[in-house]
């Protein structure tokens, strides 16, 4: 008999309520920056895609990237290959927001891709983000939501503002963190072992 997927989801939700979410570990992004697996993380700012690529490069296996036709068409393999092998990326085009959210939720739940990236014009609402969060908890995948417009109240584990710095590199500011304090970092990409380097932004400003 094939297990009912809805039954598995109900069991996962009940287990999370009774025992708390399962600890799937974390992705070591740069220095002390860790992104918890089995959770969703929201990325805003003009360099949100660079943050997502850095996180995906630190993992193994396929990367599912979901977005609208315009966003997916803008992803150039020659631009991606400096950060990770483009062959790892599975591109999924959604005709509209509902389809994009559904595709990302299914990818998170499928257990076939450790990293799922979702591009949205406006951030997910509380109900939408809870569905993504539950799907990520079930599989242990990490969900990265790139928000091009306004962020909303959501169930995401963290929210980051990612901006390019005039002198080079990026400023990564954690605006929301369920597991710790907010923080700001200067990040640079060295090209070695697919790992960016990061130091506190205040320290970088005083150097």
N, C-alpha and C. Protein backbone atom coordinates (compact mmCIF):
# COMPACT_ATOMS: atom_id res chain seq x y z
N UNK A 1 0.84 -1.19 0.00
CA UNK A 1 0.00 0.00 0.00
C UNK A 1 0.88 1.25 0.00
N UNK A 2 0.56 2.22 -0.85
CA UNK A 2 1.33 3.46 -0.91
C UNK A 2 0.88 4.39 0.22
N UNK A 3 1.83 4.90 1.05
CA UNK A 3 1.45 5.79 2.14
C UNK A 3 0.76 7.05 1.62
N UNK A 4 -0.21 7.51 2.36
CA UNK A 4 -0.93 8.72 1.99
C UNK A 4 -0.07 9.94 2.35
N UNK A 5 0.32 10.79 1.36
CA UNK A 5 1.16 11.95 1.67
C UNK A 5 0.55 12.88 2.69
N UNK A 6 -0.80 13.03 2.66
CA UNK A 6 -1.45 13.92 3.61
C UNK A 6 -1.32 13.38 5.03
N UNK A 7 -1.28 12.03 5.17
CA UNK A 7 -1.11 11.42 6.48
C UNK A 7 0.28 11.73 7.02
N UNK A 8 1.30 11.64 6.15
CA UNK A 8 2.66 11.96 6.57
C UNK A 8 2.76 13.40 7.02
N UNK A 9 2.11 14.31 6.29
CA UNK A 9 2.15 15.72 6.67
C UNK A 9 1.50 15.93 8.02
N UNK A 10 0.34 15.28 8.25
CA UNK A 10 -0.34 15.41 9.54
C UNK A 10 0.53 14.88 10.67
N UNK A 11 1.21 13.77 10.43
CA UNK A 11 2.08 13.20 11.45
C UNK A 11 3.25 14.14 11.75
N UNK A 12 3.80 14.77 10.71
CA UNK A 12 4.91 15.69 10.91
C UNK A 12 4.48 16.91 11.72
N UNK A 13 3.29 17.43 11.42
CA UNK A 13 2.78 18.58 12.15
C UNK A 13 2.55 18.24 13.61
N UNK A 14 1.94 17.05 13.88
CA UNK A 14 1.68 16.66 15.26
C UNK A 14 2.98 16.45 16.02
N UNK A 15 3.97 15.84 15.36
CA UNK A 15 5.27 15.62 16.02
C UNK A 15 5.95 16.93 16.36
N UNK A 16 5.85 17.91 15.45
CA UNK A 16 6.47 19.21 15.71
C UNK A 16 5.81 19.90 16.89
N UNK A 17 4.50 19.74 17.00
CA UNK A 17 3.79 20.37 18.12
C UNK A 17 4.13 19.72 19.44
N UNK A 18 4.33 18.39 19.44
CA UNK A 18 4.61 17.67 20.67
C UNK A 18 6.07 17.78 21.10
N UNK A 19 6.97 17.63 20.14
CA UNK A 19 8.39 17.53 20.47
C UNK A 19 9.23 18.68 19.94
N UNK A 20 8.62 19.59 19.19
CA UNK A 20 9.40 20.63 18.56
C UNK A 20 9.95 20.13 17.23
N UNK A 21 10.39 21.04 16.37
CA UNK A 21 10.90 20.63 15.05
C UNK A 21 12.18 19.82 15.17
N UNK A 22 12.39 18.91 14.21
CA UNK A 22 13.57 18.06 14.19
C UNK A 22 14.79 18.92 13.86
N UNK A 23 15.92 18.61 14.50
CA UNK A 23 17.16 19.33 14.22
C UNK A 23 17.85 18.65 13.04
N UNK A 24 17.88 19.33 11.89
CA UNK A 24 18.50 18.79 10.68
C UNK A 24 19.91 19.31 10.49
N UNK A 25 20.42 20.08 11.44
CA UNK A 25 21.74 20.66 11.28
C UNK A 25 21.67 22.03 10.62
N UNK A 26 22.81 22.51 10.12
CA UNK A 26 22.86 23.85 9.54
C UNK A 26 23.89 23.91 8.42
N UNK A 27 23.69 24.86 7.53
CA UNK A 27 24.66 25.15 6.47
C UNK A 27 25.62 26.22 6.99
N UNK A 28 26.91 25.93 6.98
CA UNK A 28 27.92 26.91 7.38
C UNK A 28 28.18 27.83 6.19
N UNK A 29 27.59 29.01 6.22
CA UNK A 29 27.65 29.90 5.06
C UNK A 29 28.98 30.65 4.98
N UNK A 30 29.32 31.36 6.05
CA UNK A 30 30.56 32.13 6.08
C UNK A 30 30.89 32.47 7.53
N UNK A 31 32.10 32.11 7.95
CA UNK A 31 32.48 32.39 9.33
C UNK A 31 31.46 31.82 10.29
N UNK A 32 30.95 32.64 11.21
CA UNK A 32 29.96 32.15 12.17
C UNK A 32 28.53 32.12 11.65
N UNK A 33 28.30 32.53 10.41
CA UNK A 33 26.93 32.58 9.87
C UNK A 33 26.46 31.17 9.54
N UNK A 34 25.36 30.76 10.16
CA UNK A 34 24.78 29.45 9.94
C UNK A 34 23.32 29.60 9.53
N UNK A 35 22.91 28.82 8.55
CA UNK A 35 21.50 28.77 8.14
C UNK A 35 20.95 27.40 8.50
N UNK A 36 19.95 27.37 9.35
CA UNK A 36 19.39 26.12 9.84
C UNK A 36 18.68 25.37 8.72
N UNK A 37 19.01 24.10 8.57
CA UNK A 37 18.31 23.25 7.60
C UNK A 37 16.93 22.90 8.13
N UNK A 38 16.05 22.50 7.22
CA UNK A 38 14.68 22.19 7.63
C UNK A 38 13.90 23.44 7.99
N UNK A 39 14.35 24.58 7.48
CA UNK A 39 13.70 25.87 7.74
C UNK A 39 13.70 26.69 6.45
N UNK A 40 12.92 27.76 6.46
CA UNK A 40 12.94 28.71 5.36
C UNK A 40 13.58 30.00 5.84
N UNK A 41 14.28 30.66 4.91
CA UNK A 41 14.99 31.90 5.21
C UNK A 41 14.66 32.90 4.11
N UNK A 42 14.31 34.11 4.48
CA UNK A 42 13.91 35.13 3.51
C UNK A 42 15.07 36.07 3.22
N UNK A 43 15.22 36.43 1.94
CA UNK A 43 16.32 37.28 1.49
C UNK A 43 15.76 38.47 0.74
N UNK A 44 16.16 39.66 1.13
CA UNK A 44 15.72 40.89 0.45
C UNK A 44 16.96 41.67 0.01
N UNK A 45 16.75 42.71 -0.78
CA UNK A 45 17.86 43.56 -1.19
C UNK A 45 18.36 43.24 -2.58
N UNK A 46 19.24 44.13 -3.09
CA UNK A 46 19.67 44.00 -4.48
C UNK A 46 20.64 42.85 -4.72
N UNK A 47 21.18 42.26 -3.65
CA UNK A 47 22.11 41.15 -3.79
C UNK A 47 21.61 39.88 -3.12
N UNK A 48 20.29 39.75 -3.03
CA UNK A 48 19.71 38.56 -2.42
C UNK A 48 20.09 37.29 -3.18
N UNK A 49 20.19 37.40 -4.51
CA UNK A 49 20.53 36.22 -5.30
C UNK A 49 21.96 35.76 -5.01
N UNK A 50 22.87 36.69 -4.70
CA UNK A 50 24.24 36.31 -4.37
C UNK A 50 24.29 35.54 -3.05
N UNK A 51 23.49 35.95 -2.09
CA UNK A 51 23.39 35.25 -0.81
C UNK A 51 22.88 33.83 -1.05
N UNK A 52 21.84 33.72 -1.89
CA UNK A 52 21.27 32.40 -2.18
C UNK A 52 22.28 31.50 -2.87
N UNK A 53 23.04 32.04 -3.83
CA UNK A 53 24.05 31.25 -4.52
C UNK A 53 25.14 30.79 -3.56
N UNK A 54 25.54 31.67 -2.65
CA UNK A 54 26.57 31.31 -1.68
C UNK A 54 26.09 30.16 -0.79
N UNK A 55 24.82 30.22 -0.38
CA UNK A 55 24.27 29.16 0.46
C UNK A 55 24.16 27.86 -0.32
N UNK A 56 23.69 27.93 -1.57
CA UNK A 56 23.55 26.73 -2.39
C UNK A 56 24.90 26.09 -2.66
N UNK A 57 25.93 26.92 -2.85
CA UNK A 57 27.26 26.40 -3.14
C UNK A 57 27.85 25.62 -1.97
N UNK A 58 27.40 25.91 -0.77
CA UNK A 58 27.91 25.23 0.41
C UNK A 58 27.27 23.86 0.62
N UNK A 59 26.25 23.56 -0.16
CA UNK A 59 25.58 22.28 -0.04
C UNK A 59 25.97 21.32 -1.15
N UNK A 60 25.33 20.17 -1.15
CA UNK A 60 25.56 19.15 -2.17
C UNK A 60 24.24 18.84 -2.86
N UNK A 61 24.32 18.26 -4.04
CA UNK A 61 23.11 17.79 -4.71
C UNK A 61 22.39 18.88 -5.48
N UNK A 62 21.21 18.54 -6.01
CA UNK A 62 20.45 19.46 -6.86
C UNK A 62 19.98 20.70 -6.09
N UNK A 63 19.84 21.78 -6.85
CA UNK A 63 19.26 23.03 -6.35
C UNK A 63 18.06 23.35 -7.21
N UNK A 64 16.88 23.36 -6.63
CA UNK A 64 15.67 23.70 -7.38
C UNK A 64 15.44 25.21 -7.26
N UNK A 65 15.35 25.88 -8.41
CA UNK A 65 15.16 27.34 -8.43
C UNK A 65 13.81 27.62 -9.09
N UNK A 66 12.88 28.18 -8.33
CA UNK A 66 11.51 28.42 -8.79
C UNK A 66 11.26 29.92 -8.94
N UNK A 67 10.66 30.32 -10.03
CA UNK A 67 10.33 31.73 -10.22
C UNK A 67 9.41 31.93 -11.40
N UNK A 68 9.15 33.19 -11.70
CA UNK A 68 8.36 33.52 -12.89
C UNK A 68 9.22 33.43 -14.14
N UNK A 69 8.60 33.54 -15.29
CA UNK A 69 9.32 33.39 -16.55
C UNK A 69 10.44 34.41 -16.68
N UNK A 70 10.20 35.66 -16.27
CA UNK A 70 11.21 36.70 -16.39
C UNK A 70 12.41 36.40 -15.49
N UNK A 71 12.14 35.99 -14.25
CA UNK A 71 13.23 35.72 -13.31
C UNK A 71 14.07 34.52 -13.75
N UNK A 72 13.42 33.47 -14.20
CA UNK A 72 14.14 32.27 -14.62
C UNK A 72 14.96 32.54 -15.88
N UNK A 73 14.40 33.32 -16.81
CA UNK A 73 15.11 33.63 -18.05
C UNK A 73 16.36 34.46 -17.79
N UNK A 74 16.38 35.21 -16.68
CA UNK A 74 17.52 36.07 -16.38
C UNK A 74 18.70 35.31 -15.79
N UNK A 75 18.51 34.04 -15.44
CA UNK A 75 19.59 33.26 -14.85
C UNK A 75 20.51 32.75 -15.96
N UNK A 76 21.70 33.31 -16.04
CA UNK A 76 22.66 32.93 -17.08
C UNK A 76 23.66 31.92 -16.53
N UNK A 77 23.80 30.75 -17.17
CA UNK A 77 24.75 29.74 -16.70
C UNK A 77 26.17 30.28 -16.55
N UNK A 78 26.59 31.17 -17.46
CA UNK A 78 27.95 31.70 -17.39
C UNK A 78 28.15 32.55 -16.14
N UNK A 79 27.07 33.18 -15.67
CA UNK A 79 27.17 33.96 -14.44
C UNK A 79 27.14 33.09 -13.20
N UNK A 80 26.46 31.96 -13.29
CA UNK A 80 26.33 31.08 -12.13
C UNK A 80 27.58 30.24 -11.89
N UNK A 81 28.31 29.92 -12.94
CA UNK A 81 29.37 28.94 -12.82
C UNK A 81 30.54 29.41 -11.96
N UNK A 82 30.62 30.71 -11.69
CA UNK A 82 31.66 31.19 -10.79
C UNK A 82 31.37 30.79 -9.35
N UNK A 83 30.14 30.39 -9.07
CA UNK A 83 29.74 30.09 -7.71
C UNK A 83 29.42 28.61 -7.50
N UNK A 84 28.78 27.99 -8.46
CA UNK A 84 28.47 26.56 -8.36
C UNK A 84 28.25 26.00 -9.75
N UNK A 85 28.30 24.70 -9.86
CA UNK A 85 28.11 24.02 -11.15
C UNK A 85 26.68 24.23 -11.63
N UNK A 86 26.47 24.90 -12.78
CA UNK A 86 25.11 25.12 -13.28
C UNK A 86 24.33 23.82 -13.50
N UNK A 87 25.05 22.70 -13.68
CA UNK A 87 24.36 21.42 -13.89
C UNK A 87 23.58 20.99 -12.65
N UNK A 88 23.89 21.56 -11.50
CA UNK A 88 23.18 21.21 -10.27
C UNK A 88 21.80 21.87 -10.21
N UNK A 89 21.57 22.90 -11.01
CA UNK A 89 20.37 23.72 -10.88
C UNK A 89 19.23 23.20 -11.75
N UNK A 90 18.09 23.01 -11.13
CA UNK A 90 16.86 22.63 -11.83
C UNK A 90 15.95 23.86 -11.84
N UNK A 91 15.66 24.39 -13.02
CA UNK A 91 14.86 25.60 -13.15
C UNK A 91 13.38 25.25 -13.31
N UNK A 92 12.55 25.91 -12.54
CA UNK A 92 11.09 25.68 -12.58
C UNK A 92 10.40 27.02 -12.77
N UNK A 93 9.62 27.13 -13.82
CA UNK A 93 8.89 28.35 -14.11
C UNK A 93 7.42 28.20 -13.70
N UNK A 94 6.96 29.12 -12.87
CA UNK A 94 5.55 29.15 -12.49
C UNK A 94 4.84 30.28 -13.21
N UNK A 95 3.66 30.02 -13.71
CA UNK A 95 2.94 31.04 -14.48
C UNK A 95 2.44 32.18 -13.60
N UNK A 96 2.19 31.89 -12.33
CA UNK A 96 1.70 32.91 -11.42
C UNK A 96 2.14 32.56 -10.00
N UNK A 97 1.87 33.45 -9.07
CA UNK A 97 2.35 33.31 -7.70
C UNK A 97 1.91 32.00 -7.05
N UNK A 98 0.65 31.65 -7.19
CA UNK A 98 0.14 30.43 -6.58
C UNK A 98 0.88 29.21 -7.08
N UNK A 99 1.15 29.17 -8.38
CA UNK A 99 1.88 28.06 -8.97
C UNK A 99 3.32 28.01 -8.49
N UNK A 100 3.94 29.17 -8.33
CA UNK A 100 5.31 29.24 -7.85
C UNK A 100 5.40 28.75 -6.41
N UNK A 101 4.48 29.17 -5.56
CA UNK A 101 4.47 28.71 -4.17
C UNK A 101 4.24 27.21 -4.10
N UNK A 102 3.32 26.70 -4.91
CA UNK A 102 3.04 25.26 -4.92
C UNK A 102 4.27 24.47 -5.35
N UNK A 103 4.94 24.93 -6.40
CA UNK A 103 6.12 24.22 -6.90
C UNK A 103 7.22 24.19 -5.85
N UNK A 104 7.44 25.31 -5.16
CA UNK A 104 8.47 25.35 -4.12
C UNK A 104 8.12 24.44 -2.95
N UNK A 105 6.85 24.43 -2.57
CA UNK A 105 6.42 23.55 -1.48
C UNK A 105 6.65 22.08 -1.83
N UNK A 106 6.29 21.70 -3.06
CA UNK A 106 6.48 20.31 -3.48
C UNK A 106 7.97 19.96 -3.54
N UNK A 107 8.80 20.88 -4.01
CA UNK A 107 10.23 20.63 -4.09
C UNK A 107 10.83 20.46 -2.69
N UNK A 108 10.40 21.28 -1.75
CA UNK A 108 10.89 21.17 -0.38
C UNK A 108 10.50 19.83 0.24
N UNK A 109 9.30 19.38 -0.07
CA UNK A 109 8.79 18.15 0.54
C UNK A 109 9.37 16.90 -0.12
N UNK A 110 9.85 17.01 -1.36
CA UNK A 110 10.21 15.83 -2.15
C UNK A 110 11.46 15.10 -1.67
N UNK A 111 12.31 15.74 -0.90
CA UNK A 111 13.55 15.15 -0.38
C UNK A 111 14.58 14.87 -1.47
N UNK A 112 14.41 15.44 -2.64
CA UNK A 112 15.36 15.18 -3.73
C UNK A 112 16.36 16.32 -3.91
N UNK A 113 16.07 17.47 -3.33
CA UNK A 113 16.96 18.63 -3.46
C UNK A 113 17.18 19.25 -2.09
N UNK A 114 18.43 19.30 -1.61
CA UNK A 114 18.69 19.87 -0.29
C UNK A 114 18.48 21.38 -0.22
N UNK A 115 18.47 22.05 -1.38
CA UNK A 115 18.28 23.50 -1.41
C UNK A 115 17.20 23.85 -2.41
N UNK A 116 16.23 24.65 -1.97
CA UNK A 116 15.15 25.13 -2.85
C UNK A 116 15.12 26.65 -2.76
N UNK A 117 15.23 27.31 -3.91
CA UNK A 117 15.21 28.76 -3.99
C UNK A 117 13.91 29.20 -4.67
N UNK A 118 13.20 30.12 -4.05
CA UNK A 118 11.94 30.62 -4.59
C UNK A 118 12.01 32.13 -4.74
N UNK A 119 11.76 32.63 -5.94
CA UNK A 119 11.72 34.07 -6.19
C UNK A 119 10.28 34.54 -6.23
N UNK A 120 9.99 35.59 -5.45
CA UNK A 120 8.64 36.15 -5.42
C UNK A 120 8.71 37.67 -5.53
N UNK A 121 7.70 38.25 -6.15
CA UNK A 121 7.62 39.72 -6.22
C UNK A 121 7.33 40.30 -4.83
N UNK A 122 6.40 39.68 -4.12
CA UNK A 122 6.06 40.07 -2.74
C UNK A 122 6.28 38.87 -1.84
N UNK A 123 6.71 39.12 -0.60
CA UNK A 123 7.02 38.04 0.31
C UNK A 123 5.80 37.19 0.66
N UNK A 124 6.02 35.95 1.07
CA UNK A 124 4.90 35.08 1.45
C UNK A 124 4.23 35.59 2.72
N UNK A 125 2.92 35.43 2.77
CA UNK A 125 2.18 35.77 3.97
C UNK A 125 2.34 34.68 5.02
N UNK A 126 1.70 34.85 6.15
CA UNK A 126 1.88 33.92 7.26
C UNK A 126 1.43 32.51 6.90
N UNK A 127 0.26 32.38 6.28
CA UNK A 127 -0.24 31.05 5.90
C UNK A 127 0.65 30.42 4.84
N UNK A 128 1.04 31.20 3.83
CA UNK A 128 1.90 30.67 2.77
C UNK A 128 3.25 30.22 3.32
N UNK A 129 3.83 31.04 4.20
CA UNK A 129 5.15 30.72 4.74
C UNK A 129 5.10 29.52 5.68
N UNK A 130 3.99 29.34 6.37
CA UNK A 130 3.85 28.16 7.23
C UNK A 130 3.85 26.88 6.41
N UNK A 131 3.20 26.90 5.26
CA UNK A 131 3.19 25.72 4.39
C UNK A 131 4.61 25.40 3.91
N UNK A 132 5.35 26.43 3.53
CA UNK A 132 6.73 26.22 3.12
C UNK A 132 7.58 25.70 4.28
N UNK A 133 7.33 26.26 5.46
CA UNK A 133 8.11 25.86 6.64
C UNK A 133 7.85 24.39 7.00
N UNK A 134 6.61 23.97 6.96
CA UNK A 134 6.27 22.58 7.28
C UNK A 134 6.91 21.63 6.27
N UNK A 135 6.88 22.02 4.99
CA UNK A 135 7.49 21.17 3.95
C UNK A 135 8.99 21.04 4.18
N UNK A 136 9.65 22.14 4.55
CA UNK A 136 11.09 22.09 4.81
C UNK A 136 11.40 21.24 6.04
N UNK A 137 10.57 21.33 7.07
CA UNK A 137 10.78 20.53 8.28
C UNK A 137 10.66 19.04 7.99
N UNK A 138 9.74 18.69 7.11
CA UNK A 138 9.54 17.28 6.78
C UNK A 138 10.77 16.67 6.13
N UNK A 139 11.41 17.41 5.23
CA UNK A 139 12.50 16.85 4.43
C UNK A 139 13.89 17.18 4.95
N UNK A 140 14.01 18.27 5.70
CA UNK A 140 15.32 18.72 6.13
C UNK A 140 15.99 19.62 5.12
N UNK A 141 15.29 19.96 4.03
CA UNK A 141 15.85 20.86 3.03
C UNK A 141 15.88 22.29 3.56
N UNK A 142 16.67 23.11 2.91
CA UNK A 142 16.70 24.52 3.27
C UNK A 142 15.97 25.31 2.19
N UNK A 143 15.04 26.17 2.60
CA UNK A 143 14.28 26.97 1.66
C UNK A 143 14.74 28.42 1.72
N UNK A 144 15.09 28.98 0.57
CA UNK A 144 15.54 30.37 0.47
C UNK A 144 14.53 31.13 -0.38
N UNK A 145 13.88 32.12 0.21
CA UNK A 145 12.85 32.89 -0.48
C UNK A 145 13.41 34.27 -0.83
N UNK A 146 13.62 34.52 -2.12
CA UNK A 146 14.11 35.81 -2.59
C UNK A 146 12.92 36.73 -2.80
N UNK A 147 12.88 37.83 -2.07
CA UNK A 147 11.74 38.74 -2.11
C UNK A 147 12.17 40.01 -2.84
N UNK A 148 11.57 40.26 -4.00
CA UNK A 148 11.94 41.42 -4.80
C UNK A 148 11.21 42.68 -4.37
N UNK A 149 10.09 42.54 -3.68
CA UNK A 149 9.31 43.69 -3.24
C UNK A 149 9.21 43.75 -1.73
N UNK A 150 7.98 43.80 -1.23
CA UNK A 150 7.73 43.98 0.20
C UNK A 150 7.67 42.64 0.91
N UNK A 151 8.35 42.55 2.05
CA UNK A 151 8.25 41.37 2.91
C UNK A 151 7.04 41.51 3.82
N UNK A 152 6.47 40.38 4.21
CA UNK A 152 5.31 40.37 5.08
C UNK A 152 5.63 39.60 6.37
N UNK A 153 4.72 39.68 7.33
CA UNK A 153 4.85 38.85 8.52
C UNK A 153 4.82 37.39 8.10
N UNK A 154 5.80 36.62 8.53
CA UNK A 154 5.90 35.25 8.03
C UNK A 154 6.46 34.33 9.11
N UNK A 155 6.48 33.03 8.78
CA UNK A 155 7.00 32.01 9.70
C UNK A 155 8.46 31.69 9.42
N UNK A 156 9.13 32.47 8.59
CA UNK A 156 10.52 32.19 8.23
C UNK A 156 11.42 32.20 9.47
N UNK A 157 12.45 31.37 9.43
CA UNK A 157 13.41 31.30 10.54
C UNK A 157 14.24 32.57 10.64
N UNK A 158 14.72 33.05 9.49
CA UNK A 158 15.49 34.30 9.47
C UNK A 158 15.06 35.14 8.27
N UNK A 159 15.39 36.42 8.35
CA UNK A 159 15.21 37.33 7.22
C UNK A 159 16.46 38.18 7.11
N UNK A 160 16.99 38.27 5.87
CA UNK A 160 18.24 38.98 5.62
C UNK A 160 18.04 40.09 4.61
N UNK A 161 18.73 41.21 4.83
CA UNK A 161 18.82 42.25 3.81
C UNK A 161 20.23 42.17 3.22
N UNK A 162 20.32 42.02 1.92
CA UNK A 162 21.59 41.77 1.24
C UNK A 162 21.83 42.90 0.23
N UNK A 163 22.85 43.69 0.47
CA UNK A 163 23.14 44.84 -0.39
C UNK A 163 24.59 44.82 -0.85
N UNK A 164 24.82 45.26 -2.09
CA UNK A 164 26.18 45.41 -2.59
C UNK A 164 26.83 46.63 -1.94
N UNK A 165 28.12 46.50 -1.60
CA UNK A 165 28.87 47.61 -1.01
C UNK A 165 29.66 48.32 -2.10
N UNK A 166 29.71 49.67 -2.07
CA UNK A 166 30.42 50.42 -3.12
C UNK A 166 31.88 50.01 -3.26
N UNK A 167 32.51 49.65 -2.15
CA UNK A 167 33.93 49.29 -2.19
C UNK A 167 34.15 47.82 -2.53
N UNK A 168 33.08 47.10 -2.81
CA UNK A 168 33.18 45.68 -3.15
C UNK A 168 32.62 44.79 -2.07
N UNK A 169 32.19 43.60 -2.46
CA UNK A 169 31.59 42.68 -1.50
C UNK A 169 30.15 43.06 -1.21
N UNK A 170 29.63 42.50 -0.15
CA UNK A 170 28.23 42.71 0.20
C UNK A 170 28.06 42.94 1.70
N UNK A 171 26.98 43.63 2.03
CA UNK A 171 26.57 43.78 3.43
C UNK A 171 25.38 42.87 3.65
N UNK A 172 25.53 41.92 4.57
CA UNK A 172 24.46 41.00 4.92
C UNK A 172 23.97 41.34 6.32
N UNK A 173 22.74 41.78 6.42
CA UNK A 173 22.17 42.17 7.71
C UNK A 173 21.02 41.25 8.05
N UNK A 174 21.14 40.58 9.18
CA UNK A 174 20.06 39.70 9.66
C UNK A 174 19.04 40.55 10.40
N UNK A 175 17.87 40.71 9.82
CA UNK A 175 16.82 41.54 10.40
C UNK A 175 15.95 40.78 11.38
N UNK A 176 15.89 39.46 11.21
CA UNK A 176 15.03 38.61 12.04
C UNK A 176 15.72 37.28 12.23
N UNK A 177 15.75 36.80 13.46
CA UNK A 177 16.41 35.53 13.75
C UNK A 177 15.72 34.88 14.94
N UNK A 178 15.06 33.76 14.70
CA UNK A 178 14.36 33.07 15.78
C UNK A 178 15.31 32.40 16.77
N UNK A 179 16.58 32.23 16.37
CA UNK A 179 17.52 31.50 17.22
C UNK A 179 18.63 32.38 17.78
N UNK A 180 18.58 33.65 17.55
CA UNK A 180 19.65 34.49 18.04
C UNK A 180 19.41 35.95 17.72
N UNK A 181 20.37 36.80 18.05
CA UNK A 181 20.20 38.25 17.82
C UNK A 181 20.41 38.61 16.36
N UNK A 182 19.91 39.78 16.00
CA UNK A 182 20.18 40.32 14.68
C UNK A 182 21.66 40.70 14.60
N UNK A 183 22.19 40.74 13.37
CA UNK A 183 23.61 41.03 13.20
C UNK A 183 23.86 41.53 11.79
N UNK A 184 25.02 42.16 11.58
CA UNK A 184 25.39 42.68 10.27
C UNK A 184 26.81 42.24 9.93
N UNK A 185 27.02 41.84 8.66
CA UNK A 185 28.30 41.29 8.24
C UNK A 185 28.73 41.88 6.91
N UNK A 186 30.06 42.04 6.73
CA UNK A 186 30.62 42.32 5.43
C UNK A 186 31.10 41.00 4.85
N UNK A 187 30.63 40.68 3.65
CA UNK A 187 30.97 39.41 3.02
C UNK A 187 31.74 39.66 1.73
N UNK A 188 32.73 38.83 1.47
CA UNK A 188 33.49 38.87 0.22
C UNK A 188 33.63 37.45 -0.28
N UNK A 189 33.74 37.32 -1.61
CA UNK A 189 33.87 36.01 -2.23
C UNK A 189 35.30 35.83 -2.70
N UNK A 190 35.98 34.82 -2.18
CA UNK A 190 37.39 34.62 -2.54
C UNK A 190 37.56 33.65 -3.69
N UNK A 191 36.53 32.86 -3.99
CA UNK A 191 36.64 31.86 -5.04
C UNK A 191 37.27 30.57 -4.58
N UNK A 192 37.67 30.50 -3.31
CA UNK A 192 38.28 29.29 -2.77
C UNK A 192 37.23 28.44 -2.07
N UNK A 193 37.18 27.17 -2.36
CA UNK A 193 36.29 26.17 -1.76
C UNK A 193 34.84 26.63 -1.67
N UNK A 194 34.42 27.47 -2.62
CA UNK A 194 33.02 27.93 -2.69
C UNK A 194 32.54 28.57 -1.39
N UNK A 195 33.43 29.23 -0.66
CA UNK A 195 33.07 29.79 0.62
C UNK A 195 33.33 31.29 0.66
N UNK A 196 32.31 32.11 0.90
CA UNK A 196 32.55 33.53 1.11
C UNK A 196 33.21 33.75 2.47
N UNK A 197 33.80 34.91 2.66
CA UNK A 197 34.39 35.29 3.93
C UNK A 197 33.52 36.38 4.54
N UNK A 198 33.37 36.38 5.83
CA UNK A 198 32.51 37.37 6.49
C UNK A 198 33.14 37.85 7.78
N UNK A 199 32.97 39.13 8.06
CA UNK A 199 33.36 39.67 9.35
C UNK A 199 32.32 40.72 9.75
N UNK A 200 32.20 40.99 11.06
CA UNK A 200 31.18 41.94 11.50
C UNK A 200 31.31 43.26 10.76
N UNK A 201 30.18 43.84 10.36
CA UNK A 201 30.20 45.06 9.56
C UNK A 201 30.83 46.22 10.33
N UNK A 202 30.58 46.30 11.64
CA UNK A 202 31.16 47.36 12.45
C UNK A 202 32.68 47.26 12.46
N UNK A 203 33.18 46.05 12.52
CA UNK A 203 34.64 45.84 12.49
C UNK A 203 35.20 46.24 11.14
N UNK A 204 34.50 45.90 10.06
CA UNK A 204 34.96 46.25 8.73
C UNK A 204 34.96 47.75 8.52
N UNK A 205 33.97 48.45 9.09
CA UNK A 205 33.86 49.89 8.91
C UNK A 205 34.99 50.62 9.63
N UNK A 206 35.45 50.08 10.74
CA UNK A 206 36.49 50.73 11.53
C UNK A 206 37.89 50.41 11.04
N UNK A 207 37.99 49.39 10.13
CA UNK A 207 39.32 48.99 9.67
C UNK A 207 39.93 50.02 8.73
